[in-house]
Amino acid sequence: QTIYAGTTKVEVAGVKIKALGSDIRLDRLDVNFTTRPWLNVATITVSDGSTDLVSYSVTEANTIEVTVGSSYTVRLTGFNLVIPDGVTKTLSIKVDPKLVEGDSTETITYQILANGVRGTDGKAIQQYAPSSALTARTFVISTRTGALNLSLNAGTPKERGVQGSASVITEGVELMRFDLKATVNDV
């Protein structure tokens, strides 16, 4: 999907987590990127439905550089979420794109790697999932300026005289109808 600079909390992924054999307290979620995420992502928010669980500023200082130039991990912690035994939760990963100079687009590739989710079970034993990396996905951040096309609507009233009053407000007189069409990006 394409998301535009200036938008907030755009959902880019959903992750299903199911507790098996015990209640699980979610401890962390690692999101891995193939490029430096702090250049294009300002914030990552993880939500359970309409409830934000954690919102994390993405900076160079709090990103783990796994492999220079090709692998960067943002480790999200501070969840206050217990998943009851046998229950599946779907968590949404949302991003706030960062505005970069000029008209440009950046393709961001991300994924949850093997053992990228950690929880603690009822016996205080740490549990990790998934057993193998999830499929890498992408989103595009666009900073191109939008453009609108304005045109007169065919239903515009014909030119005519309108009688008003000097002592009473005249309301509801339709002067014009027009159409707007986004020609570059969403506006």
C-alpha atoms as a PDB file:
ATOM      1  CA  GLN A   1       0.000   0.000   0.000  1.00  0.00           C
ATOM      2  CA  THR A   2       1.040   3.600  -0.421  1.00  0.00           C
ATOM      3  CA  ILE A   3       0.909   5.882   2.592  1.00  0.00           C
ATOM      4  CA  TYR A   4       1.517   9.584   2.531  1.00  0.00           C
ATOM      5  CA  ALA A   5       3.678  11.750   4.722  1.00  0.00           C
ATOM      6  CA  GLY A   6       1.507  13.664   7.160  1.00  0.00           C
ATOM      7  CA  THR A   7      -0.816  10.740   7.921  1.00  0.00           C
ATOM      8  CA  THR A   8      -0.768   8.975  11.284  1.00  0.00           C
ATOM      9  CA  LYS A   9      -1.320   5.433  12.535  1.00  0.00           C
ATOM     10  CA  VAL A  10      -1.633   3.819   9.116  1.00  0.00           C
ATOM     11  CA  GLU A  11      -2.082   0.068   9.550  1.00  0.00           C
ATOM     12  CA  VAL A  12       0.553  -1.842   7.577  1.00  0.00           C
ATOM     13  CA  ALA A  13       0.296  -5.296   9.181  1.00  0.00           C
ATOM     14  CA  GLY A  14      -1.736  -7.540  11.422  1.00  0.00           C
ATOM     15  CA  VAL A  15      -0.199 -10.240  13.610  1.00  0.00           C
ATOM     16  CA  LYS A  16      -2.226 -13.071  15.143  1.00  0.00           C
ATOM     17  CA  ILE A  17      -0.920 -14.363  18.471  1.00  0.00           C
ATOM     18  CA  LYS A  18      -2.513 -17.356  20.227  1.00  0.00           C
ATOM     19  CA  ALA A  19      -1.761 -18.484  23.781  1.00  0.00           C
ATOM     20  CA  LEU A  20      -1.500 -22.281  24.129  1.00  0.00           C
ATOM     21  CA  GLY A  21      -1.338 -24.188  27.434  1.00  0.00           C
ATOM     22  CA  SER A  22      -1.234 -21.099  29.639  1.00  0.00           C
ATOM     23  CA  ASP A  23      -2.034 -17.406  29.717  1.00  0.00           C
ATOM     24  CA  ILE A  24       0.788 -15.490  28.027  1.00  0.00           C
ATOM     25  CA  ARG A  25       1.923 -11.957  28.895  1.00  0.00           C
ATOM     26  CA  LEU A  26       3.270 -10.292  25.739  1.00  0.00           C
ATOM     27  CA  ASP A  27       6.745  -8.923  26.455  1.00  0.00           C
ATOM     28  CA  ARG A  28       8.100  -7.760  23.125  1.00  0.00           C
ATOM     29  CA  LEU A  29       7.635  -7.658  19.380  1.00  0.00           C
ATOM     30  CA  ASP A  30      10.567  -7.204  16.998  1.00  0.00           C
ATOM     31  CA  VAL A  31       9.922  -5.645  13.589  1.00  0.00           C
ATOM     32  CA  ASN A  32      12.828  -6.056  11.184  1.00  0.00           C
ATOM     33  CA  PHE A  33      13.489  -3.646   8.294  1.00  0.00           C
ATOM     34  CA  THR A  34      15.858  -3.947   5.311  1.00  0.00           C
ATOM     35  CA  THR A  35      16.623  -0.204   5.372  1.00  0.00           C
ATOM     36  CA  ARG A  36      17.202   2.312   8.151  1.00  0.00           C
ATOM     37  CA  PRO A  37      13.668   2.748   9.529  1.00  0.00           C
ATOM     38  CA  TRP A  38      14.365   6.017  11.356  1.00  0.00           C
ATOM     39  CA  LEU A  39      14.782   7.778   7.996  1.00  0.00           C
ATOM     40  CA  ASN A  40      11.191   7.121   6.913  1.00  0.00           C
ATOM     41  CA  VAL A  41       9.158   6.051   9.963  1.00  0.00           C
ATOM     42  CA  ALA A  42       8.566   8.419  12.878  1.00  0.00           C
ATOM     43  CA  THR A  43       6.474   6.143  15.117  1.00  0.00           C
ATOM     44  CA  ILE A  44       5.311   2.540  15.274  1.00  0.00           C
ATOM     45  CA  THR A  45       2.113   1.844  17.207  1.00  0.00           C
ATOM     46  CA  VAL A  46       0.790  -1.615  18.103  1.00  0.00           C
ATOM     47  CA  SER A  47      -2.943  -1.825  18.773  1.00  0.00           C
ATOM     48  CA  ASP A  48      -5.387  -4.435  20.018  1.00  0.00           C
ATOM     49  CA  GLY A  49      -8.514  -3.408  18.155  1.00  0.00           C
ATOM     50  CA  SER A  50      -9.060   0.277  18.884  1.00  0.00           C
ATOM     51  CA  THR A  51      -6.791   0.233  21.960  1.00  0.00           C
ATOM     52  CA  ASP A  52      -3.191   1.347  21.457  1.00  0.00           C
ATOM     53  CA  LEU A  53      -0.914  -0.939  23.476  1.00  0.00           C
ATOM     54  CA  VAL A  54       2.403   0.739  22.778  1.00  0.00           C
ATOM     55  CA  SER A  55       3.597   3.657  20.678  1.00  0.00           C
ATOM     56  CA  TYR A  56       7.304   3.788  19.961  1.00  0.00           C
ATOM     57  CA  SER A  57       9.385   6.603  18.458  1.00  0.00           C
ATOM     58  CA  VAL A  58      11.724   5.204  15.832  1.00  0.00           C
ATOM     59  CA  THR A  59      15.185   6.732  16.142  1.00  0.00           C
ATOM     60  CA  GLU A  60      18.683   5.650  15.200  1.00  0.00           C
ATOM     61  CA  ALA A  61      19.540   5.319  18.908  1.00  0.00           C
ATOM     62  CA  ASN A  62      16.738   2.843  19.671  1.00  0.00           C
ATOM     63  CA  THR A  63      17.069   0.715  16.518  1.00  0.00           C
ATOM     64  CA  ILE A  64      19.215  -2.426  16.583  1.00  0.00           C
ATOM     65  CA  GLU A  65      21.548  -2.557  13.596  1.00  0.00           C
ATOM     66  CA  VAL A  66      21.745  -6.310  12.943  1.00  0.00           C
ATOM     67  CA  THR A  67      23.642  -6.164   9.645  1.00  0.00           C
ATOM     68  CA  VAL A  68      25.027  -2.869   8.369  1.00  0.00           C
ATOM     69  CA  GLY A  69      23.039  -1.702   5.358  1.00  0.00           C
ATOM     70  CA  SER A  70      20.506  -4.548   5.239  1.00  0.00           C
ATOM     71  CA  SER A  71      18.955  -5.494   8.582  1.00  0.00           C
ATOM     72  CA  TYR A  72      17.577  -3.224  11.301  1.00  0.00           C
ATOM     73  CA  THR A  73      15.291  -4.245  14.162  1.00  0.00           C
ATOM     74  CA  VAL A  74      12.907  -2.053  16.115  1.00  0.00           C
ATOM     75  CA  ARG A  75      12.156  -3.812  19.419  1.00  0.00           C
ATOM     76  CA  LEU A  76       8.764  -2.847  20.826  1.00  0.00           C
ATOM     77  CA  THR A  77       8.337  -3.417  24.562  1.00  0.00           C
ATOM     78  CA  GLY A  78       6.077  -2.175  27.351  1.00  0.00           C
ATOM     79  CA  PHE A  79       2.935  -4.069  26.373  1.00  0.00           C
ATOM     80  CA  ASN A  80       0.297  -4.385  29.042  1.00  0.00           C
ATOM     81  CA  LEU A  81      -1.405  -7.365  27.426  1.00  0.00           C
ATOM     82  CA  VAL A  82      -2.182 -10.816  28.786  1.00  0.00           C
ATOM     83  CA  ILE A  83      -3.537 -13.277  26.231  1.00  0.00           C
ATOM     84  CA  PRO A  84      -5.706 -15.918  27.947  1.00  0.00           C
ATOM     85  CA  ASP A  85      -5.044 -19.605  27.242  1.00  0.00           C
ATOM     86  CA  GLY A  86      -6.667 -20.674  23.966  1.00  0.00           C
ATOM     87  CA  VAL A  87      -7.445 -17.109  22.859  1.00  0.00           C
ATOM     88  CA  THR A  88      -6.134 -15.577  19.637  1.00  0.00           C
ATOM     89  CA  LYS A  89      -5.438 -11.839  19.552  1.00  0.00           C
ATOM     90  CA  THR A  90      -4.917  -9.917  16.332  1.00  0.00           C
ATOM     91  CA  LEU A  91      -2.568  -7.008  16.857  1.00  0.00           C
ATOM     92  CA  SER A  92      -2.282  -4.181  14.335  1.00  0.00           C
ATOM     93  CA  ILE A  93       1.059  -2.625  13.495  1.00  0.00           C
ATOM     94  CA  LYS A  94       0.641   0.999  12.471  1.00  0.00           C
ATOM     95  CA  VAL A  95       3.182   3.559  11.324  1.00  0.00           C
ATOM     96  CA  ASP A  96       3.480   7.309  11.158  1.00  0.00           C
ATOM     97  CA  PRO A  97       5.511   8.059   8.017  1.00  0.00           C
ATOM     98  CA  LYS A  98       8.201  10.691   8.170  1.00  0.00           C
ATOM     99  CA  LEU A  99       8.263  13.598   5.730  1.00  0.00           C
ATOM    100  CA  VAL A 100      11.415  13.736   3.625  1.00  0.00           C
ATOM    101  CA  GLU A 101      12.444  16.654   1.443  1.00  0.00           C
ATOM    102  CA  GLY A 102      11.213  16.952  -2.117  1.00  0.00           C
ATOM    103  CA  ASP A 103       8.833  14.800  -4.081  1.00  0.00           C
ATOM    104  CA  SER A 104       9.886  11.210  -3.491  1.00  0.00           C
ATOM    105  CA  THR A 105       8.733   7.729  -2.664  1.00  0.00           C
ATOM    106  CA  GLU A 106      10.452   5.148  -0.498  1.00  0.00           C
ATOM    107  CA  THR A 107       9.640   1.436  -0.477  1.00  0.00           C
ATOM    108  CA  ILE A 108       9.952  -0.018   3.017  1.00  0.00           C
ATOM    109  CA  THR A 109      10.378  -3.788   3.436  1.00  0.00           C
ATOM    110  CA  TYR A 110       9.698  -5.272   6.859  1.00  0.00           C
ATOM    111  CA  GLN A 111       8.940  -8.604   8.530  1.00  0.00           C
ATOM    112  CA  ILE A 112       8.658 -10.427  11.825  1.00  0.00           C
ATOM    113  CA  LEU A 113      11.682 -12.730  12.044  1.00  0.00           C
ATOM    114  CA  ALA A 114      11.794 -16.152  13.720  1.00  0.00           C
ATOM    115  CA  ASN A 115      11.400 -15.712  17.492  1.00  0.00           C
ATOM    116  CA  GLY A 116      10.435 -12.073  16.928  1.00  0.00           C
ATOM    117  CA  VAL A 117       7.578 -12.272  19.451  1.00  0.00           C
ATOM    118  CA  ARG A 118       8.307 -13.022  23.094  1.00  0.00           C
ATOM    119  CA  GLY A 119       5.853 -13.702  25.883  1.00  0.00           C
ATOM    120  CA  THR A 120       5.997 -15.101  29.404  1.00  0.00           C
ATOM    121  CA  ASP A 121       3.750 -17.998  30.406  1.00  0.00           C
ATOM    122  CA  GLY A 122       2.098 -18.760  33.777  1.00  0.00           C
ATOM    123  CA  LYS A 123       5.266 -20.470  35.074  1.00  0.00           C
ATOM    124  CA  ALA A 124       7.445 -17.441  34.208  1.00  0.00           C
ATOM    125  CA  ILE A 125       9.034 -19.254  31.240  1.00  0.00           C
ATOM    126  CA  GLN A 126       9.694 -17.159  28.162  1.00  0.00           C
ATOM    127  CA  GLN A 127       7.967 -18.354  25.002  1.00  0.00           C
ATOM    128  CA  TYR A 128       9.022 -17.315  21.490  1.00  0.00           C
ATOM    129  CA  ALA A 129       7.191 -17.294  18.148  1.00  0.00           C
ATOM    130  CA  PRO A 130       7.032 -17.665  15.191  1.00  0.00           C
ATOM    131  CA  SER A 131       9.255 -20.686  14.585  1.00  0.00           C
ATOM    132  CA  SER A 132      10.255 -19.284  11.179  1.00  0.00           C
ATOM    133  CA  ALA A 133      10.226 -15.777   9.772  1.00  0.00           C
ATOM    134  CA  LEU A 134       6.938 -14.460   8.432  1.00  0.00           C
ATOM    135  CA  THR A 135       6.798 -13.386   4.798  1.00  0.00           C
ATOM    136  CA  ALA A 136       8.426 -10.026   4.152  1.00  0.00           C
ATOM    137  CA  ARG A 137       6.000  -7.279   3.192  1.00  0.00           C
ATOM    138  CA  THR A 138       6.357  -3.758   1.841  1.00  0.00           C
ATOM    139  CA  PHE A 139       4.690  -0.389   1.965  1.00  0.00           C
ATOM    140  CA  VAL A 140       5.514   2.771   0.066  1.00  0.00           C
ATOM    141  CA  ILE A 141       5.860   6.172   1.696  1.00  0.00           C
ATOM    142  CA  SER A 142       5.157   9.010  -0.703  1.00  0.00           C
ATOM    143  CA  THR A 143       5.918  12.636  -0.080  1.00  0.00           C
ATOM    144  CA  ARG A 144       4.803  13.863  -3.479  1.00  0.00           C
ATOM    145  CA  THR A 145       2.601  16.901  -3.277  1.00  0.00           C
ATOM    146  CA  GLY A 146      -0.986  16.207  -4.217  1.00  0.00           C
ATOM    147  CA  ALA A 147      -2.782  18.027  -7.002  1.00  0.00           C
ATOM    148  CA  LEU A 148      -6.440  18.807  -7.599  1.00  0.00           C
ATOM    149  CA  ASN A 149      -8.374  19.437 -10.753  1.00  0.00           C
ATOM    150  CA  LEU A 150     -11.286  21.855 -10.320  1.00  0.00           C
ATOM    151  CA  SER A 151     -14.118  21.992 -12.849  1.00  0.00           C
ATOM    152  CA  LEU A 152     -17.561  23.507 -13.023  1.00  0.00           C
ATOM    153  CA  ASN A 153     -20.326  20.930 -12.482  1.00  0.00           C
ATOM    154  CA  ALA A 154     -22.984  20.570 -15.179  1.00  0.00           C
ATOM    155  CA  GLY A 155     -25.644  21.034 -12.472  1.00  0.00           C
ATOM    156  CA  THR A 156     -24.510  24.591 -11.626  1.00  0.00           C
ATOM    157  CA  PRO A 157     -27.495  26.976 -11.531  1.00  0.00           C
ATOM    158  CA  LYS A 158     -27.839  29.312 -14.508  1.00  0.00           C
ATOM    159  CA  GLU A 159     -26.932  32.943 -14.064  1.00  0.00           C
ATOM    160  CA  ARG A 160     -29.913  34.767 -12.567  1.00  0.00           C
ATOM    161  CA  GLY A 161     -30.956  37.563 -10.305  1.00  0.00           C
ATOM    162  CA  VAL A 162     -31.628  36.828  -6.637  1.00  0.00           C
ATOM    163  CA  GLN A 163     -33.907  39.051  -4.594  1.00  0.00           C
ATOM    164  CA  GLY A 164     -32.590  39.804  -1.136  1.00  0.00           C
ATOM    165  CA  SER A 165     -33.604  42.038   1.731  1.00  0.00           C
ATOM    166  CA  ALA A 166     -31.776  44.903   3.368  1.00  0.00           C
ATOM    167  CA  SER A 167     -33.217  43.983   6.788  1.00  0.00           C
ATOM    168  CA  VAL A 168     -33.290  40.142   6.737  1.00  0.00           C
ATOM    169  CA  ILE A 169     -30.474  37.711   5.969  1.00  0.00           C
ATOM    170  CA  THR A 170     -30.969  35.864   2.695  1.00  0.00           C
ATOM    171  CA  GLU A 171     -29.825  32.236   3.053  1.00  0.00           C
ATOM    172  CA  GLY A 172     -29.591  29.067   1.016  1.00  0.00           C
ATOM    173  CA  VAL A 173     -29.016  30.652  -2.391  1.00  0.00           C
ATOM    174  CA  GLU A 174     -26.994  28.209  -4.473  1.00  0.00           C
ATOM    175  CA  LEU A 175     -24.412  30.051  -6.537  1.00  0.00           C
ATOM    176  CA  MET A 176     -22.310  27.265  -8.011  1.00  0.00           C
ATOM    177  CA  ARG A 177     -21.567  23.540  -8.048  1.00  0.00           C
ATOM    178  CA  PHE A 178     -18.065  22.302  -8.766  1.00  0.00           C
ATOM    179  CA  ASP A 179     -16.178  19.016  -9.001  1.00  0.00           C
ATOM    180  CA  LEU A 180     -12.787  18.262  -7.467  1.00  0.00           C
ATOM    181  CA  LYS A 181     -10.623  15.375  -8.633  1.00  0.00           C
ATOM    182  CA  ALA A 182      -7.310  14.319  -7.117  1.00  0.00           C
ATOM    183  CA  THR A 183      -4.900  13.995 -10.045  1.00  0.00           C
ATOM    184  CA  VAL A 184      -1.704  13.296  -8.084  1.00  0.00           C
ATOM    185  CA  ASN A 185      -1.856  11.274  -4.842  1.00  0.00           C
ATOM    186  CA  ASP A 186      -4.726  11.330  -2.378  1.00  0.00           C
ATOM    187  CA  VAL A 187      -5.731  14.827  -1.338  1.00  0.00           C
END
